[in-house]
Amino acid sequence: MRIGITCYPTYGGSGVVATELGIELAQRGHEIHFITYSQPFRLGGNQPNISFHEVEVSRYALFEHAPYDLALATRMAEVTELYDLDILHVHYAIPHSVSALLAQQMLAERGRKLPFVTTLHGTDITLVGSDPSYKPITRFGIERSDGVTAISDYLKEVTISEIGVKNHIEVISNFVNCDIYKRTEKDVAERSNFAAPGERILVHLSNFRPVKRIMDVIEVFDRVRKEVPARLLLIGDGPDRSKAEWLTVQKGIHDKVNFLGKLDRVIGKLAISDVMLLPSEMESFGLAALEAMACEVVPIASNVGGLPEVIEHGVSGFLEPVGDVDAMAADAIALLKNEEALRTMGAAARKRAHSRFCANDVVKKYEEFYRRTLAASS
């Protein structure tokens, strides 16, 4: 198939999933065309069967805010005609589903069909979509999609109950390439670059937005390091980074925390870690937790949203109430003091990721969904 993919190319879960999906599909022989305003950050150099088409937005003085959604629709239609695309797959409802609908209507006037699939990722429903200013257009874009998927049962139910969407929503979970995301002897050897012998490593990965509760990460780590020699790796960047840096200074632990910024490849840093902290206010799935689990890193997370669909509490990780830093710290301390328990739970986390969320199985579901959508729209 010739598939167009549109996503936000920035440091966030929806862009990561869209990019990884495109890479996996290309490796399976499909022709993939990314259509967005900049190259997705996890998309490397020249890769077989993958092309990138930049969306350029004209910035006239008349426009206080450049109309990206219109420029995107135009580019979608152009790329479809130039490369004879079979289907578009847009990630994140606003504005991508509406732009795809405009492109579809533009092409229909010329007798060209262009079915499109919308994948819902989380904040496009729980934050943006629930805003009264955007709810009607969010619902409209989703209901006009030829196919709709959501990354968790939780998100599907919220979309139906909060947005009022009536068409079918297929749940296809996020995934991880289990052949790439794994712990190796080389990774174990590189622990010394960040931690002294006997020190544990905790890790957090996010876009540092308020919903990720990065201050809770610092609070949990501060409690842990008083009981267990430890270091904290913080991967990512965003609006709360400065606050987090100042908090580590105030607590006197700045020398124990590494702010690593945005990384194209996070596997190596996950694989040298023991525990991931994910105390988010909300996660519609929890891709960071899944990537950690595949590397035998035990997640300690909030018991919200789609996280219980990923983590089995007490088996492959821990789930605690939002904001309960004491409980999260207690989980981490007990685990990090018991090597056998840590390795047993790490193996269970890897098994959970491998049995339910490996790329090979999930990508097949997307392929089948594309085929059904194409057949229904023919």
Protein backbone atom coordinates (compact mmCIF):
# COMPACT_ATOMS: atom_id res chain seq x y z
CA MET A 1 0.00 0.00 0.00
CA ARG A 2 0.98 3.64 -0.49
CA ILE A 3 0.21 5.33 2.83
CA GLY A 4 0.37 9.00 3.80
CA ILE A 5 1.02 9.71 7.49
CA THR A 6 0.50 13.03 9.26
CA CYS A 7 1.46 13.67 12.86
CA TYR A 8 2.95 16.28 15.14
CA PRO A 9 6.69 15.77 14.63
CA THR A 10 7.58 17.07 18.07
CA TYR A 11 8.69 15.26 21.23
CA GLY A 12 5.50 13.49 22.29
CA GLY A 13 3.81 10.11 22.27
CA SER A 14 1.57 10.61 19.24
CA GLY A 15 4.50 11.65 17.04
CA VAL A 16 6.63 8.77 18.30
CA VAL A 17 3.91 6.19 17.59
CA ALA A 18 3.18 7.61 14.13
CA THR A 19 6.86 7.63 13.20
CA GLU A 20 7.55 4.15 14.51
CA LEU A 21 4.45 2.87 12.72
CA GLY A 22 5.67 4.37 9.45
CA ILE A 23 9.09 2.78 9.90
CA GLU A 24 7.57 -0.62 10.66
CA LEU A 25 5.21 -0.41 7.68
CA ALA A 26 8.07 0.58 5.37
CA GLN A 27 10.07 -2.43 6.53
CA ARG A 28 7.10 -4.59 5.59
CA GLY A 29 7.23 -3.28 2.01
CA HIS A 30 4.66 -0.45 2.12
CA GLU A 31 5.44 2.95 0.60
CA ILE A 32 5.24 5.58 3.35
CA HIS A 33 4.90 9.35 2.88
CA PHE A 34 5.15 11.58 5.96
CA ILE A 35 3.32 14.88 5.45
CA THR A 36 3.97 17.47 8.18
CA TYR A 37 5.69 20.79 8.90
CA SER A 38 9.06 19.28 9.87
CA GLN A 39 10.71 15.88 9.81
CA PRO A 40 9.58 13.72 12.76
CA PHE A 41 12.39 13.65 15.32
CA ARG A 42 12.64 9.84 15.39
CA LEU A 43 12.82 9.60 11.62
CA GLY A 44 16.45 9.10 10.67
CA GLY A 45 18.20 9.71 7.37
CA ASN A 46 17.46 7.93 4.14
CA GLN A 47 15.33 4.88 4.83
CA PRO A 48 13.92 2.57 2.15
CA ASN A 49 10.25 3.16 1.26
CA ILE A 50 9.99 6.37 3.32
CA SER A 51 9.61 9.92 1.99
CA PHE A 52 9.08 13.19 3.84
CA HIS A 53 7.00 16.03 2.40
CA GLU A 54 7.27 19.35 4.23
CA VAL A 55 4.21 21.54 4.65
CA GLU A 56 5.17 25.15 4.05
CA VAL A 57 2.93 27.84 5.49
CA SER A 58 2.86 31.28 3.91
CA ARG A 59 3.13 34.00 6.54
CA TYR A 60 1.22 37.01 5.29
CA ALA A 61 1.04 40.10 7.49
CA LEU A 62 -2.75 39.74 7.43
CA PHE A 63 -2.57 36.47 9.40
CA GLU A 64 -1.83 36.78 13.10
CA HIS A 65 -1.59 32.98 13.12
CA ALA A 66 -0.57 31.18 9.95
CA PRO A 67 -3.33 28.78 8.72
CA TYR A 68 -1.38 25.53 8.98
CA ASP A 69 -4.49 23.36 8.71
CA LEU A 70 -5.29 24.75 5.25
CA ALA A 71 -1.72 24.44 4.03
CA LEU A 72 -1.69 20.86 5.32
CA ALA A 73 -4.90 19.99 3.46
CA THR A 74 -3.44 21.36 0.24
CA ARG A 75 -0.21 19.41 0.69
CA MET A 76 -2.12 16.21 1.51
CA ALA A 77 -4.04 16.53 -1.75
CA GLU A 78 -0.86 17.30 -3.73
CA VAL A 79 1.10 14.35 -2.34
CA THR A 80 -1.87 12.03 -2.91
CA GLU A 81 -2.02 12.96 -6.59
CA LEU A 82 1.74 13.03 -7.14
CA TYR A 83 2.39 9.64 -5.52
CA ASP A 84 -1.00 7.97 -6.01
CA LEU A 85 -1.59 7.33 -2.31
CA ASP A 86 -4.10 4.67 -1.33
CA ILE A 87 -4.95 6.00 2.13
CA LEU A 88 -4.09 8.72 4.64
CA HIS A 89 -3.47 7.99 8.30
CA VAL A 90 -3.63 11.04 10.56
CA HIS A 91 -2.52 10.97 14.19
CA TYR A 92 -4.17 13.38 16.65
CA ALA A 93 -7.64 14.56 15.75
CA ILE A 94 -7.13 18.33 15.63
CA PRO A 95 -6.47 19.68 13.09
CA HIS A 96 -5.30 16.63 11.18
CA SER A 97 -8.63 14.87 10.67
CA VAL A 98 -10.26 18.10 9.45
CA SER A 99 -7.34 18.78 7.09
CA ALA A 100 -7.64 15.24 5.73
CA LEU A 101 -11.37 15.76 5.21
CA LEU A 102 -10.69 18.95 3.24
CA ALA A 103 -8.10 17.15 1.11
CA GLN A 104 -10.59 14.33 0.52
CA GLN A 105 -13.26 16.78 -0.64
CA MET A 106 -10.83 18.66 -2.89
CA LEU A 107 -9.83 15.44 -4.62
CA ALA A 108 -13.44 14.19 -4.85
CA GLU A 109 -14.25 17.12 -7.12
CA ARG A 110 -11.69 15.68 -9.54
CA GLY A 111 -13.05 12.15 -9.25
CA ARG A 112 -10.27 10.91 -6.93
CA LYS A 113 -11.10 8.95 -3.77
CA LEU A 114 -8.97 9.39 -0.68
CA PRO A 115 -10.08 7.45 2.41
CA PHE A 116 -8.45 8.47 5.68
CA VAL A 117 -8.01 6.94 9.12
CA THR A 118 -7.79 9.00 12.31
CA THR A 119 -5.95 7.67 15.35
CA LEU A 120 -6.82 9.24 18.70
CA HIS A 121 -3.94 9.52 21.12
CA GLY A 122 -5.18 11.20 24.28
CA THR A 123 -4.96 14.95 24.79
CA ASP A 124 -6.65 15.49 21.43
CA ILE A 125 -9.72 14.12 23.24
CA THR A 126 -9.18 14.66 26.98
CA LEU A 127 -7.76 18.20 26.72
CA VAL A 128 -8.22 19.83 23.31
CA GLY A 129 -11.31 17.91 22.25
CA SER A 130 -13.13 18.52 25.52
CA ASP A 131 -12.68 22.30 25.20
CA PRO A 132 -16.06 23.80 24.20
CA SER A 133 -14.27 25.79 21.47
CA TYR A 134 -13.04 22.60 19.80
CA LYS A 135 -15.48 19.85 20.78
CA PRO A 136 -17.88 20.30 17.78
CA ILE A 137 -15.07 20.34 15.19
CA THR A 138 -13.29 17.45 16.94
CA ARG A 139 -16.46 15.34 16.81
CA PHE A 140 -17.08 16.37 13.18
CA GLY A 141 -13.57 15.38 12.05
CA ILE A 142 -13.74 12.02 13.83
CA GLU A 143 -17.21 11.14 12.56
CA ARG A 144 -16.27 12.03 8.98
CA SER A 145 -13.19 9.80 9.11
CA ASP A 146 -13.41 6.58 7.08
CA GLY A 147 -11.89 4.71 9.99
CA VAL A 148 -11.09 5.60 13.61
CA THR A 149 -8.72 3.94 16.05
CA ALA A 150 -7.87 4.68 19.70
CA ILE A 151 -4.78 3.58 21.57
CA SER A 152 -6.64 2.18 24.59
CA ASP A 153 -10.06 1.05 25.76
CA TYR A 154 -10.00 3.95 28.21
CA LEU A 155 -9.59 6.51 25.41
CA LYS A 156 -12.30 4.86 23.32
CA GLU A 157 -14.79 5.14 26.18
CA VAL A 158 -13.86 8.78 26.88
CA THR A 159 -14.27 9.66 23.20
CA ILE A 160 -17.75 8.18 23.17
CA SER A 161 -18.88 9.62 26.52
CA GLU A 162 -17.23 13.06 26.43
CA ILE A 163 -17.14 13.93 22.73
CA GLY A 164 -20.32 12.08 21.76
CA VAL A 165 -18.80 10.23 18.81
CA LYS A 166 -21.18 7.63 17.40
CA ASN A 167 -19.16 5.81 14.77
CA HIS A 168 -17.13 2.66 15.42
CA ILE A 169 -13.76 3.07 17.15
CA GLU A 170 -11.23 0.26 16.82
CA VAL A 171 -8.81 -0.12 19.72
CA ILE A 172 -5.27 -0.74 18.48
CA SER A 173 -2.72 -0.27 21.24
CA ASN A 174 0.61 1.46 21.09
CA PHE A 175 3.55 -0.85 20.52
CA VAL A 176 7.28 -1.30 20.85
CA ASN A 177 9.79 -3.11 18.67
CA CYS A 178 10.79 -5.85 21.08
CA ASP A 179 13.84 -6.77 18.98
CA ILE A 180 15.25 -3.26 19.45
CA TYR A 181 13.95 -2.31 22.89
CA LYS A 182 15.80 -4.78 25.07
CA ARG A 183 18.61 -4.87 27.61
CA THR A 184 22.02 -6.06 26.37
CA GLU A 185 25.37 -6.71 28.02
CA LYS A 186 26.70 -3.54 26.35
CA ASP A 187 23.97 -1.50 28.04
CA VAL A 188 24.76 -2.98 31.44
CA ALA A 189 28.43 -2.08 30.97
CA GLU A 190 27.53 1.57 30.22
CA ARG A 191 25.87 2.07 33.61
CA SER A 192 29.23 3.31 34.88
CA ASN A 193 28.85 6.43 32.71
CA PHE A 194 26.04 7.60 35.00
CA ALA A 195 26.23 5.69 38.26
CA ALA A 196 28.92 4.44 40.62
CA PRO A 197 29.01 0.74 41.57
CA GLY A 198 26.17 0.02 43.96
CA GLU A 199 24.05 2.99 42.84
CA ARG A 200 20.59 2.38 41.40
CA ILE A 201 19.29 4.32 38.40
CA LEU A 202 15.79 5.76 38.16
CA VAL A 203 14.56 7.28 34.91
CA HIS A 204 11.76 9.54 33.68
CA LEU A 205 10.84 10.21 30.04
CA SER A 206 8.35 12.88 28.95
CA ASN A 207 7.75 16.27 27.37
CA PHE A 208 7.87 17.93 30.81
CA ARG A 209 4.38 19.38 30.57
CA PRO A 210 2.45 20.00 33.82
CA VAL A 211 0.32 16.86 33.23
CA LYS A 212 3.50 14.76 33.63
CA ARG A 213 4.01 16.05 37.21
CA ILE A 214 7.78 16.29 36.94
CA MET A 215 7.92 17.79 40.47
CA ASP A 216 6.52 14.51 41.78
CA VAL A 217 9.38 12.70 40.03
CA ILE A 218 11.86 14.85 41.95
CA GLU A 219 9.98 14.34 45.23
CA VAL A 220 9.92 10.56 44.80
CA PHE A 221 13.61 10.44 43.94
CA ASP A 222 14.52 12.62 46.92
CA ARG A 223 12.82 10.11 49.21
CA VAL A 224 14.43 7.14 47.46
CA ARG A 225 17.99 8.44 47.54
CA LYS A 226 17.78 8.90 51.34
CA GLU A 227 17.31 5.12 51.64
CA VAL A 228 19.12 3.76 48.57
CA PRO A 229 22.21 5.13 46.77
CA ALA A 230 20.71 6.26 43.46
CA ARG A 231 20.85 8.54 40.44
CA LEU A 232 18.00 10.02 38.39
CA LEU A 233 18.01 10.36 34.58
CA LEU A 234 15.50 12.82 33.14
CA ILE A 235 14.95 12.45 29.39
CA GLY A 236 13.04 15.12 27.53
CA ASP A 237 12.37 18.83 27.80
CA GLY A 238 9.47 21.22 28.13
CA PRO A 239 7.83 23.98 30.15
CA ASP A 240 8.46 22.48 33.61
CA ARG A 241 12.15 21.74 33.16
CA SER A 242 13.35 24.97 34.78
CA LYS A 243 11.12 24.40 37.82
CA ALA A 244 12.45 20.85 38.12
CA GLU A 245 16.06 22.02 37.94
CA TRP A 246 15.49 24.59 40.68
CA LEU A 247 13.76 22.00 42.88
CA THR A 248 16.79 19.69 42.66
CA VAL A 249 19.01 22.60 43.71
CA GLN A 250 16.75 23.47 46.65
CA LYS A 251 16.81 19.85 47.82
CA GLY A 252 20.57 19.59 47.42
CA ILE A 253 20.36 16.73 44.92
CA HIS A 254 21.32 18.55 41.72
CA ASP A 255 24.52 16.51 41.47
CA LYS A 256 22.47 13.29 41.59
CA VAL A 257 20.14 14.23 38.72
CA ASN A 258 21.08 14.22 35.03
CA PHE A 259 18.93 16.38 32.74
CA LEU A 260 19.63 14.73 29.39
CA GLY A 261 17.26 16.79 27.21
CA LYS A 262 15.60 15.45 24.09
CA LEU A 263 17.17 12.28 22.72
CA ASP A 264 16.45 10.70 19.34
CA ARG A 265 17.27 7.27 20.75
CA VAL A 266 16.23 6.52 24.31
CA ILE A 267 16.84 2.77 24.31
CA GLY A 268 20.35 2.92 25.75
CA LYS A 269 19.32 5.13 28.65
CA LEU A 270 16.28 3.01 29.46
CA ALA A 271 18.26 -0.20 29.30
CA ILE A 272 20.75 0.91 31.99
CA SER A 273 17.94 1.91 34.37
CA ASP A 274 16.23 -0.05 37.13
CA VAL A 275 12.97 1.82 37.69
CA MET A 276 10.90 4.28 35.65
CA LEU A 277 8.87 6.96 37.43
CA LEU A 278 5.69 8.02 35.63
CA PRO A 279 3.50 9.94 38.13
CA SER A 280 1.37 11.60 35.45
CA GLU A 281 -1.93 13.31 36.10
CA MET A 282 -3.26 11.45 33.05
CA GLU A 283 -1.94 8.97 30.49
CA SER A 284 -4.24 7.59 27.81
CA PHE A 285 -1.78 4.73 27.30
CA GLY A 286 1.71 5.25 28.71
CA LEU A 287 4.16 4.62 25.85
CA ALA A 288 7.16 5.59 27.99
CA ALA A 289 6.21 2.89 30.49
CA LEU A 290 5.92 0.30 27.72
CA GLU A 291 9.31 1.19 26.24
CA ALA A 292 10.84 0.87 29.70
CA MET A 293 9.11 -2.46 30.35
CA ALA A 294 10.52 -3.91 27.13
CA CYS A 295 13.97 -3.09 28.52
CA GLU A 296 13.21 -4.87 31.84
CA VAL A 297 12.78 -1.57 33.68
CA VAL A 298 10.02 -1.62 36.29
CA PRO A 299 7.48 1.22 35.95
CA ILE A 300 6.05 2.96 39.00
CA ALA A 301 3.14 5.00 37.69
CA SER A 302 -0.17 6.68 38.48
CA ASN A 303 -3.27 4.52 38.47
CA VAL A 304 -5.05 6.55 35.79
CA GLY A 305 -6.31 6.37 32.21
CA GLY A 306 -4.91 3.58 30.10
CA LEU A 307 -1.96 2.73 32.36
CA PRO A 308 -3.77 -0.20 34.04
CA GLU A 309 -4.15 -1.72 30.55
CA VAL A 310 -0.34 -1.73 30.25
CA ILE A 311 0.92 -2.37 33.78
CA GLU A 312 -0.24 -5.20 36.04
CA HIS A 313 0.02 -3.79 39.55
CA GLY A 314 2.39 -5.82 41.69
CA VAL A 315 3.37 -8.07 38.78
CA SER A 316 4.97 -6.00 36.03
CA GLY A 317 5.09 -2.67 37.90
CA PHE A 318 3.24 -0.56 40.43
CA LEU A 319 0.21 1.74 40.15
CA GLU A 320 -0.49 4.33 42.84
CA PRO A 321 -2.95 7.24 43.24
CA VAL A 322 -2.01 10.48 41.47
CA GLY A 323 0.15 12.62 43.74
CA ASP A 324 0.92 9.88 46.27
CA VAL A 325 4.68 10.37 46.19
CA ASP A 326 5.10 8.53 49.49
CA ALA A 327 3.55 5.33 48.10
CA MET A 328 5.57 5.58 44.89
CA ALA A 329 8.77 6.12 46.85
CA ALA A 330 7.96 3.17 49.14
CA ASP A 331 7.46 0.92 46.10
CA ALA A 332 10.78 2.02 44.63
CA ILE A 333 12.70 1.66 47.89
CA ALA A 334 11.39 -1.84 48.60
CA LEU A 335 12.17 -2.95 45.07
CA LEU A 336 15.62 -1.36 44.82
CA LYS A 337 16.68 -2.91 48.13
CA ASN A 338 15.80 -6.41 46.90
CA GLU A 339 17.83 -7.49 43.87
CA GLU A 340 15.88 -10.70 43.32
CA ALA A 341 12.52 -8.91 43.41
CA LEU A 342 13.82 -6.22 41.08
CA ARG A 343 15.01 -8.72 38.48
CA THR A 344 11.86 -10.87 38.79
CA MET A 345 9.59 -7.89 38.22
CA GLY A 346 11.82 -6.59 35.43
CA ALA A 347 11.51 -9.95 33.66
CA ALA A 348 7.73 -9.87 34.15
CA ALA A 349 7.61 -6.37 32.66
CA ARG A 350 9.55 -7.56 29.61
CA LYS A 351 7.24 -10.58 29.27
CA ARG A 352 4.16 -8.34 29.43
CA ALA A 353 5.51 -6.05 26.70
CA HIS A 354 6.56 -8.98 24.53
CA SER A 355 3.28 -10.88 24.86
CA ARG A 356 0.84 -8.04 24.17
CA PHE A 357 2.53 -4.99 22.66
CA CYS A 358 5.22 -6.10 20.20
CA ALA A 359 5.34 -4.18 16.93
CA ASN A 360 5.01 -7.22 14.70
CA ASP A 361 1.60 -8.12 16.11
CA VAL A 362 0.20 -4.59 16.42
CA VAL A 363 1.30 -3.41 12.97
CA LYS A 364 -0.55 -6.37 11.45
CA LYS A 365 -3.71 -5.00 13.06
CA TYR A 366 -3.15 -1.64 11.39
CA GLU A 367 -2.58 -3.32 8.02
CA GLU A 368 -5.84 -5.23 8.35
CA PHE A 369 -7.66 -2.07 9.43
CA TYR A 370 -6.37 -0.23 6.36
CA ARG A 371 -7.60 -3.05 4.11
CA ARG A 372 -11.06 -3.04 5.69
CA THR A 373 -11.27 0.74 5.40
CA LEU A 374 -10.24 0.67 1.76
CA ALA A 375 -12.74 -2.08 0.98
CA ALA A 376 -15.57 -0.19 2.70
CA SER A 377 -14.81 3.03 0.82
CA SER A 378 -14.42 1.48 -2.63
